[in-house]
Amino acid sequence: MNVKALKKAALPMLLLGVFGISPAVAAIQLMQVPKITGDVDLDDYRGWISIDSLEAGVDQGLCSDVMVSKQQDSASLMLLHAAATGQQFDQIVIVQLETDKERLVETLRVTLSPARILEMSLTGSEGPLEESLLLDTAEMTFNDGFSPEVTIPCGRLKKK
């Protein structure tokens, strides 16, 4: 295999190995919570938290609470502490990254500001524990890097 072909195959193989996703999908979601370090080791996203799913919606002009699920990792206890104490963060950022030839491209950025973790629950039977986090925010801003960003008012928190 030549070097160019090896480089081209490396990113999907890395995504498959590190994040357990299909090369056909080749997308990952990450979350950044201030002062809480996750296990992600990618350039520009080092220390972010890998998440498995994101659920967010809009109903009659207001956004709903945001639900995130993830596997237990090094950030879990700090996230649990933040939920237990009602800690408020200036912002929580969630991104989706997809492969584009030889690099990762950010295809969606969702910024919650300010935000807090309302609830955190753990579930599991076989395999690693799954964690669900319910997030509340004053506003949610969506940016895909192409269209004008969209900001939606939300929840119980008030914008400073």
N, C-alpha and C. Protein backbone atom coordinates (compact mmCIF):
# COMPACT_ATOMS: atom_id res chain seq x y z
N MET A 1 0.86 -1.17 0.00
CA MET A 1 0.00 0.00 0.00
C MET A 1 0.90 1.23 0.00
N ASN A 2 0.62 2.18 -0.90
CA ASN A 2 1.46 3.37 -0.95
C ASN A 2 1.09 4.34 0.17
N VAL A 3 1.92 5.33 0.39
CA VAL A 3 1.76 6.25 1.51
C VAL A 3 0.45 7.04 1.39
N LYS A 4 0.13 7.49 0.19
CA LYS A 4 -1.10 8.27 0.00
C LYS A 4 -2.33 7.43 0.34
N ALA A 5 -2.36 6.21 -0.11
CA ALA A 5 -3.49 5.32 0.18
C ALA A 5 -3.56 5.01 1.68
N LEU A 6 -2.41 4.86 2.31
CA LEU A 6 -2.37 4.59 3.75
C LEU A 6 -2.94 5.78 4.53
N LYS A 7 -2.54 7.00 4.15
CA LYS A 7 -3.05 8.19 4.81
C LYS A 7 -4.56 8.31 4.62
N LYS A 8 -5.03 8.00 3.41
CA LYS A 8 -6.46 8.09 3.11
C LYS A 8 -7.26 7.10 3.95
N ALA A 9 -6.70 5.93 4.19
CA ALA A 9 -7.40 4.88 4.95
C ALA A 9 -7.25 5.07 6.45
N ALA A 10 -6.27 5.85 6.89
CA ALA A 10 -5.97 5.95 8.32
C ALA A 10 -7.10 6.59 9.13
N LEU A 11 -7.68 7.67 8.64
CA LEU A 11 -8.72 8.35 9.41
C LEU A 11 -9.95 7.48 9.62
N PRO A 12 -10.52 6.88 8.57
CA PRO A 12 -11.66 5.98 8.83
C PRO A 12 -11.30 4.82 9.74
N MET A 13 -10.08 4.28 9.61
CA MET A 13 -9.67 3.18 10.49
C MET A 13 -9.55 3.68 11.93
N LEU A 14 -9.02 4.90 12.11
CA LEU A 14 -8.91 5.49 13.43
C LEU A 14 -10.30 5.68 14.04
N LEU A 15 -11.23 6.22 13.25
CA LEU A 15 -12.59 6.42 13.74
C LEU A 15 -13.24 5.10 14.10
N LEU A 16 -13.01 4.09 13.28
CA LEU A 16 -13.58 2.77 13.55
C LEU A 16 -12.99 2.20 14.83
N GLY A 17 -11.67 2.31 14.99
CA GLY A 17 -11.01 1.72 16.15
C GLY A 17 -11.25 2.47 17.44
N VAL A 18 -11.11 3.79 17.41
CA VAL A 18 -11.22 4.58 18.62
C VAL A 18 -12.66 4.80 19.04
N PHE A 19 -13.54 5.09 18.09
CA PHE A 19 -14.91 5.44 18.43
C PHE A 19 -15.92 4.35 18.10
N GLY A 20 -15.48 3.26 17.46
CA GLY A 20 -16.38 2.16 17.18
C GLY A 20 -17.47 2.51 16.19
N ILE A 21 -17.17 3.39 15.22
CA ILE A 21 -18.20 3.72 14.24
C ILE A 21 -17.85 3.15 12.89
N SER A 22 -18.86 2.99 12.08
CA SER A 22 -18.70 2.41 10.75
C SER A 22 -18.01 3.39 9.82
N PRO A 23 -17.11 2.91 8.95
CA PRO A 23 -16.48 3.81 7.99
C PRO A 23 -17.50 4.45 7.06
N ALA A 24 -18.65 3.76 6.83
CA ALA A 24 -19.69 4.32 5.98
C ALA A 24 -20.32 5.55 6.65
N VAL A 25 -20.45 5.52 7.96
CA VAL A 25 -21.03 6.64 8.69
C VAL A 25 -19.98 7.73 8.87
N ALA A 26 -18.84 7.36 9.41
CA ALA A 26 -17.70 8.24 9.60
C ALA A 26 -18.07 9.58 10.21
N ALA A 27 -18.86 9.54 11.28
CA ALA A 27 -19.22 10.76 12.00
C ALA A 27 -19.13 10.48 13.50
N ILE A 28 -18.72 11.49 14.24
CA ILE A 28 -18.67 11.38 15.70
C ILE A 28 -19.24 12.66 16.29
N GLN A 29 -19.73 12.56 17.51
CA GLN A 29 -20.22 13.72 18.23
C GLN A 29 -19.37 13.88 19.50
N LEU A 30 -19.03 15.13 19.79
CA LEU A 30 -18.21 15.45 20.95
C LEU A 30 -18.85 16.59 21.73
N MET A 31 -18.56 16.64 23.02
CA MET A 31 -19.10 17.69 23.87
C MET A 31 -17.96 18.31 24.69
N GLN A 32 -17.99 19.63 24.81
CA GLN A 32 -17.02 20.34 25.63
C GLN A 32 -17.75 21.03 26.79
N VAL A 33 -17.36 20.66 28.00
CA VAL A 33 -17.91 21.28 29.20
C VAL A 33 -16.74 21.94 29.92
N PRO A 34 -16.83 23.25 30.20
CA PRO A 34 -15.70 23.95 30.83
C PRO A 34 -15.20 23.25 32.10
N LYS A 35 -13.90 23.12 32.20
CA LYS A 35 -13.20 22.57 33.37
C LYS A 35 -13.50 21.10 33.64
N ILE A 36 -14.11 20.41 32.67
CA ILE A 36 -14.32 18.96 32.79
C ILE A 36 -13.63 18.32 31.59
N THR A 37 -12.60 17.52 31.86
CA THR A 37 -11.77 16.95 30.80
C THR A 37 -12.25 15.56 30.43
N GLY A 38 -12.44 15.36 29.13
CA GLY A 38 -12.83 14.05 28.61
C GLY A 38 -11.63 13.33 28.02
N ASP A 39 -11.91 12.20 27.38
CA ASP A 39 -10.86 11.31 26.88
C ASP A 39 -10.48 11.52 25.42
N VAL A 40 -11.12 12.44 24.70
CA VAL A 40 -10.85 12.61 23.28
C VAL A 40 -9.43 13.15 23.08
N ASP A 41 -8.74 12.57 22.10
CA ASP A 41 -7.35 12.94 21.83
C ASP A 41 -7.19 13.31 20.35
N LEU A 42 -8.05 14.18 19.84
CA LEU A 42 -7.97 14.64 18.46
C LEU A 42 -7.52 16.10 18.46
N ASP A 43 -6.70 16.46 17.47
CA ASP A 43 -6.29 17.86 17.35
C ASP A 43 -7.53 18.75 17.36
N ASP A 44 -7.44 19.90 17.99
CA ASP A 44 -8.50 20.89 18.13
C ASP A 44 -9.64 20.45 19.06
N TYR A 45 -9.68 19.18 19.47
CA TYR A 45 -10.76 18.69 20.34
C TYR A 45 -10.19 17.89 21.51
N ARG A 46 -8.91 18.05 21.78
CA ARG A 46 -8.26 17.31 22.87
C ARG A 46 -8.94 17.66 24.20
N GLY A 47 -9.30 16.61 24.95
CA GLY A 47 -9.94 16.81 26.23
C GLY A 47 -11.46 16.93 26.16
N TRP A 48 -12.03 16.88 24.96
CA TRP A 48 -13.48 16.91 24.82
C TRP A 48 -14.04 15.55 25.24
N ILE A 49 -15.35 15.46 25.38
CA ILE A 49 -16.03 14.25 25.82
C ILE A 49 -16.74 13.62 24.62
N SER A 50 -16.48 12.35 24.39
CA SER A 50 -17.15 11.63 23.30
C SER A 50 -18.57 11.30 23.73
N ILE A 51 -19.55 11.60 22.86
CA ILE A 51 -20.94 11.27 23.17
C ILE A 51 -21.50 10.33 22.11
N ASP A 52 -22.47 9.53 22.51
CA ASP A 52 -23.08 8.56 21.60
C ASP A 52 -24.29 9.11 20.89
N SER A 53 -25.05 9.97 21.56
CA SER A 53 -26.24 10.52 20.91
C SER A 53 -26.60 11.87 21.50
N LEU A 54 -27.33 12.62 20.70
CA LEU A 54 -27.80 13.95 21.07
C LEU A 54 -29.27 14.03 20.68
N GLU A 55 -30.09 14.52 21.59
CA GLU A 55 -31.50 14.74 21.28
C GLU A 55 -31.84 16.17 21.67
N ALA A 56 -32.29 16.94 20.69
CA ALA A 56 -32.67 18.33 20.93
C ALA A 56 -33.83 18.64 20.01
N GLY A 57 -34.72 19.50 20.45
CA GLY A 57 -35.88 19.80 19.62
C GLY A 57 -36.37 21.21 19.84
N VAL A 58 -37.29 21.61 18.96
CA VAL A 58 -37.92 22.92 19.04
C VAL A 58 -39.43 22.70 18.96
N ASP A 59 -40.16 23.37 19.84
CA ASP A 59 -41.61 23.27 19.85
C ASP A 59 -42.19 24.66 20.03
N GLN A 60 -42.92 25.13 19.04
CA GLN A 60 -43.57 26.44 19.07
C GLN A 60 -42.58 27.55 19.40
N GLY A 61 -41.43 27.52 18.76
CA GLY A 61 -40.46 28.59 18.89
C GLY A 61 -39.51 28.51 20.07
N LEU A 62 -39.69 27.51 20.95
CA LEU A 62 -38.79 27.34 22.08
C LEU A 62 -38.12 25.97 22.00
N CYS A 63 -36.86 25.91 22.40
CA CYS A 63 -36.19 24.61 22.37
C CYS A 63 -36.52 23.83 23.63
N SER A 64 -36.45 22.53 23.48
CA SER A 64 -36.66 21.64 24.62
C SER A 64 -35.34 21.43 25.34
N ASP A 65 -35.40 20.76 26.50
CA ASP A 65 -34.16 20.38 27.16
C ASP A 65 -33.38 19.47 26.22
N VAL A 66 -32.09 19.42 26.39
CA VAL A 66 -31.21 18.64 25.53
C VAL A 66 -30.81 17.37 26.27
N MET A 67 -30.90 16.23 25.58
CA MET A 67 -30.52 14.94 26.16
C MET A 67 -29.28 14.44 25.43
N VAL A 68 -28.27 14.07 26.21
CA VAL A 68 -27.02 13.52 25.67
C VAL A 68 -26.79 12.17 26.32
N SER A 69 -26.38 11.17 25.52
CA SER A 69 -26.00 9.89 26.12
C SER A 69 -24.55 9.61 25.76
N LYS A 70 -23.86 8.92 26.67
CA LYS A 70 -22.44 8.64 26.50
C LYS A 70 -22.06 7.43 27.33
N GLN A 71 -20.91 6.89 27.04
CA GLN A 71 -20.35 5.80 27.84
C GLN A 71 -19.63 6.40 29.05
N GLN A 72 -19.53 5.62 30.10
CA GLN A 72 -18.78 6.06 31.28
C GLN A 72 -17.33 6.29 30.87
N ASP A 73 -16.75 7.40 31.33
CA ASP A 73 -15.36 7.72 31.01
C ASP A 73 -14.75 8.56 32.13
N SER A 74 -13.60 9.14 31.87
CA SER A 74 -12.90 9.90 32.91
C SER A 74 -13.64 11.17 33.32
N ALA A 75 -14.58 11.65 32.51
CA ALA A 75 -15.33 12.86 32.85
C ALA A 75 -16.56 12.57 33.70
N SER A 76 -16.92 11.31 33.84
CA SER A 76 -18.20 10.94 34.46
C SER A 76 -18.41 11.49 35.87
N LEU A 77 -17.43 11.35 36.74
CA LEU A 77 -17.61 11.81 38.12
C LEU A 77 -17.75 13.33 38.20
N MET A 78 -17.02 14.05 37.37
CA MET A 78 -17.12 15.51 37.38
C MET A 78 -18.48 15.96 36.83
N LEU A 79 -18.99 15.24 35.82
CA LEU A 79 -20.32 15.55 35.30
C LEU A 79 -21.39 15.27 36.36
N LEU A 80 -21.23 14.17 37.08
CA LEU A 80 -22.15 13.83 38.15
C LEU A 80 -22.13 14.90 39.25
N HIS A 81 -20.94 15.37 39.59
CA HIS A 81 -20.80 16.44 40.59
C HIS A 81 -21.50 17.71 40.11
N ALA A 82 -21.31 18.06 38.84
CA ALA A 82 -21.95 19.26 38.28
C ALA A 82 -23.47 19.13 38.34
N ALA A 83 -23.99 17.94 38.05
CA ALA A 83 -25.44 17.71 38.12
C ALA A 83 -25.94 17.81 39.56
N ALA A 84 -25.20 17.23 40.47
CA ALA A 84 -25.61 17.19 41.88
C ALA A 84 -25.60 18.57 42.53
N THR A 85 -24.70 19.43 42.09
CA THR A 85 -24.57 20.76 42.70
C THR A 85 -25.31 21.86 41.93
N GLY A 86 -25.85 21.52 40.76
CA GLY A 86 -26.53 22.53 39.95
C GLY A 86 -25.59 23.54 39.33
N GLN A 87 -24.33 23.14 39.16
CA GLN A 87 -23.31 24.04 38.62
C GLN A 87 -23.74 24.59 37.26
N GLN A 88 -23.60 25.89 37.08
CA GLN A 88 -23.94 26.53 35.81
C GLN A 88 -22.67 26.84 35.05
N PHE A 89 -22.68 26.58 33.75
CA PHE A 89 -21.54 26.83 32.87
C PHE A 89 -21.90 27.97 31.92
N ASP A 90 -20.91 28.80 31.57
CA ASP A 90 -21.15 29.87 30.60
C ASP A 90 -21.66 29.28 29.29
N GLN A 91 -21.07 28.15 28.89
CA GLN A 91 -21.55 27.47 27.69
C GLN A 91 -21.10 26.02 27.68
N ILE A 92 -21.88 25.20 27.01
CA ILE A 92 -21.52 23.82 26.69
C ILE A 92 -21.62 23.72 25.18
N VAL A 93 -20.59 23.16 24.55
CA VAL A 93 -20.54 23.07 23.09
C VAL A 93 -20.59 21.60 22.68
N ILE A 94 -21.43 21.31 21.68
CA ILE A 94 -21.52 19.97 21.11
C ILE A 94 -21.25 20.10 19.62
N VAL A 95 -20.38 19.25 19.09
CA VAL A 95 -20.07 19.28 17.66
C VAL A 95 -20.26 17.90 17.04
N GLN A 96 -20.53 17.92 15.75
CA GLN A 96 -20.49 16.68 14.97
C GLN A 96 -19.35 16.82 13.98
N LEU A 97 -18.51 15.80 13.92
CA LEU A 97 -17.39 15.77 12.99
C LEU A 97 -17.61 14.63 12.01
N GLU A 98 -17.33 14.88 10.73
CA GLU A 98 -17.42 13.86 9.70
C GLU A 98 -16.11 13.82 8.94
N THR A 99 -15.84 12.67 8.33
CA THR A 99 -14.61 12.56 7.54
C THR A 99 -14.82 13.19 6.18
N ASP A 100 -13.81 13.89 5.71
CA ASP A 100 -13.79 14.47 4.38
C ASP A 100 -12.41 14.20 3.82
N LYS A 101 -12.32 13.13 3.06
CA LYS A 101 -11.06 12.65 2.50
C LYS A 101 -10.09 12.32 3.63
N GLU A 102 -9.11 13.18 3.90
CA GLU A 102 -8.07 12.85 4.88
C GLU A 102 -8.19 13.63 6.18
N ARG A 103 -9.33 14.28 6.41
CA ARG A 103 -9.42 15.09 7.62
C ARG A 103 -10.83 15.07 8.19
N LEU A 104 -10.95 15.50 9.43
CA LEU A 104 -12.25 15.66 10.07
C LEU A 104 -12.78 17.06 9.80
N VAL A 105 -14.07 17.14 9.51
CA VAL A 105 -14.71 18.42 9.24
C VAL A 105 -15.87 18.59 10.22
N GLU A 106 -15.93 19.75 10.83
CA GLU A 106 -17.03 20.05 11.74
C GLU A 106 -18.26 20.39 10.90
N THR A 107 -19.30 19.55 10.96
CA THR A 107 -20.50 19.77 10.16
C THR A 107 -21.64 20.38 10.95
N LEU A 108 -21.54 20.39 12.26
CA LEU A 108 -22.56 21.03 13.09
C LEU A 108 -21.95 21.40 14.43
N ARG A 109 -22.27 22.60 14.89
CA ARG A 109 -21.86 23.06 16.22
C ARG A 109 -23.12 23.58 16.91
N VAL A 110 -23.39 23.04 18.08
CA VAL A 110 -24.52 23.48 18.89
C VAL A 110 -23.94 24.06 20.18
N THR A 111 -24.23 25.32 20.44
CA THR A 111 -23.73 25.98 21.64
C THR A 111 -24.90 26.28 22.57
N LEU A 112 -24.80 25.78 23.78
CA LEU A 112 -25.81 26.01 24.81
C LEU A 112 -25.25 27.06 25.76
N SER A 113 -25.96 28.20 25.93
CA SER A 113 -25.41 29.23 26.80
C SER A 113 -26.50 30.02 27.52
N PRO A 114 -26.31 30.23 28.81
CA PRO A 114 -25.54 29.41 29.72
C PRO A 114 -26.21 28.05 29.82
N ALA A 115 -25.58 27.10 30.48
CA ALA A 115 -26.12 25.74 30.54
C ALA A 115 -25.80 25.09 31.87
N ARG A 116 -26.60 24.09 32.20
CA ARG A 116 -26.34 23.29 33.39
C ARG A 116 -26.87 21.88 33.14
N ILE A 117 -26.35 20.94 33.92
CA ILE A 117 -26.80 19.55 33.84
C ILE A 117 -27.92 19.40 34.87
N LEU A 118 -29.15 19.22 34.38
CA LEU A 118 -30.30 19.07 35.28
C LEU A 118 -30.34 17.71 35.93
N GLU A 119 -30.08 16.67 35.12
CA GLU A 119 -30.16 15.29 35.60
C GLU A 119 -29.06 14.47 34.96
N MET A 120 -28.63 13.45 35.69
CA MET A 120 -27.70 12.47 35.13
C MET A 120 -28.11 11.11 35.65
N SER A 121 -28.29 10.15 34.75
CA SER A 121 -28.66 8.81 35.17
C SER A 121 -27.72 7.79 34.54
N LEU A 122 -27.54 6.68 35.22
CA LEU A 122 -26.67 5.60 34.76
C LEU A 122 -27.53 4.38 34.49
N THR A 123 -27.25 3.69 33.39
CA THR A 123 -27.93 2.43 33.09
C THR A 123 -26.89 1.45 32.57
N GLY A 124 -27.17 0.19 32.75
CA GLY A 124 -26.26 -0.83 32.23
C GLY A 124 -26.70 -2.21 32.65
N SER A 125 -26.34 -3.17 31.83
CA SER A 125 -26.55 -4.57 32.19
C SER A 125 -25.28 -5.32 31.84
N GLU A 126 -25.06 -5.53 30.56
CA GLU A 126 -23.80 -6.12 30.12
C GLU A 126 -23.00 -5.02 29.43
N GLY A 127 -21.72 -5.04 29.59
CA GLY A 127 -20.88 -4.04 28.96
C GLY A 127 -20.79 -2.78 29.80
N PRO A 128 -20.22 -1.72 29.21
CA PRO A 128 -19.98 -0.49 29.96
C PRO A 128 -21.29 0.22 30.33
N LEU A 129 -21.23 0.99 31.40
CA LEU A 129 -22.39 1.79 31.80
C LEU A 129 -22.67 2.87 30.77
N GLU A 130 -23.93 3.13 30.55
CA GLU A 130 -24.38 4.21 29.69
C GLU A 130 -24.88 5.33 30.59
N GLU A 131 -24.53 6.55 30.25
CA GLU A 131 -24.96 7.71 31.03
C GLU A 131 -25.86 8.59 30.18
N SER A 132 -26.90 9.11 30.79
CA SER A 132 -27.79 10.06 30.12
C SER A 132 -27.74 11.36 30.90
N LEU A 133 -27.54 12.45 30.18
CA LEU A 133 -27.48 13.77 30.80
C LEU A 133 -28.59 14.63 30.20
N LEU A 134 -29.37 15.26 31.05
CA LEU A 134 -30.39 16.20 30.63
C LEU A 134 -29.84 17.60 30.89
N LEU A 135 -29.72 18.39 29.82
CA LEU A 135 -29.12 19.72 29.91
C LEU A 135 -30.20 20.79 29.76
N ASP A 136 -30.06 21.87 30.50
CA ASP A 136 -30.94 23.03 30.39
C ASP A 136 -30.08 24.21 29.97
N THR A 137 -30.68 25.10 29.18
CA THR A 137 -29.93 26.25 28.69
C THR A 137 -30.88 27.42 28.45
N ALA A 138 -30.35 28.63 28.45
CA ALA A 138 -31.14 29.82 28.14
C ALA A 138 -31.35 29.95 26.64
N GLU A 139 -30.33 29.58 25.86
CA GLU A 139 -30.47 29.61 24.41
C GLU A 139 -29.56 28.58 23.77
N MET A 140 -29.98 28.13 22.59
CA MET A 140 -29.23 27.13 21.85
C MET A 140 -28.94 27.73 20.47
N THR A 141 -27.67 27.73 20.09
CA THR A 141 -27.26 28.28 18.80
C THR A 141 -26.73 27.16 17.92
N PHE A 142 -27.28 27.06 16.70
CA PHE A 142 -26.87 26.05 15.73
C PHE A 142 -26.04 26.72 14.65
N ASN A 143 -24.92 26.09 14.28
CA ASN A 143 -24.06 26.61 13.22
C ASN A 143 -23.52 25.43 12.42
N ASP A 144 -23.79 25.42 11.11
CA ASP A 144 -23.27 24.35 10.26
C ASP A 144 -22.06 24.79 9.45
N GLY A 145 -21.61 26.02 9.65
CA GLY A 145 -20.44 26.53 8.95
C GLY A 145 -20.75 27.11 7.58
N PHE A 146 -21.99 26.98 7.11
CA PHE A 146 -22.36 27.49 5.79
C PHE A 146 -23.50 28.49 5.89
N SER A 147 -24.58 28.10 6.53
CA SER A 147 -25.77 28.95 6.66
C SER A 147 -25.57 29.93 7.81
N PRO A 148 -26.39 30.98 7.84
CA PRO A 148 -26.34 31.85 9.02
C PRO A 148 -26.71 31.04 10.26
N GLU A 149 -26.06 31.32 11.38
CA GLU A 149 -26.38 30.56 12.59
C GLU A 149 -27.79 30.91 13.06
N VAL A 150 -28.40 29.94 13.75
CA VAL A 150 -29.76 30.08 14.24
C VAL A 150 -29.72 29.98 15.77
N THR A 151 -30.31 30.96 16.45
CA THR A 151 -30.36 30.95 17.91
C THR A 151 -31.82 30.85 18.35
N ILE A 152 -32.08 29.92 19.28
CA ILE A 152 -33.43 29.65 19.75
C ILE A 152 -33.47 29.83 21.27
N PRO A 153 -34.45 30.58 21.80
CA PRO A 153 -34.59 30.70 23.25
C PRO A 153 -35.05 29.37 23.85
N CYS A 154 -34.63 29.12 25.09
CA CYS A 154 -34.89 27.83 25.72
C CYS A 154 -35.19 27.96 27.19
N GLY A 155 -35.62 26.86 27.77
CA GLY A 155 -35.62 26.45 29.16
C GLY A 155 -35.77 27.45 30.28
N ARG A 156 -35.34 27.01 31.41
CA ARG A 156 -35.52 27.73 32.67
C ARG A 156 -34.39 28.71 32.98
N LEU A 157 -33.22 28.52 32.42
CA LEU A 157 -32.11 29.43 32.71
C LEU A 157 -32.33 30.76 32.02
N LYS A 158 -31.79 31.80 32.59
CA LYS A 158 -31.87 33.14 32.00
C LYS A 158 -30.51 33.55 31.48
N LYS A 159 -30.51 34.20 30.31
CA LYS A 159 -29.28 34.71 29.71
C LYS A 159 -28.77 35.85 30.57
N LYS A 160 -27.44 35.83 30.84
CA LYS A 160 -26.83 36.90 31.65
C LYS A 160 -26.77 38.19 30.88
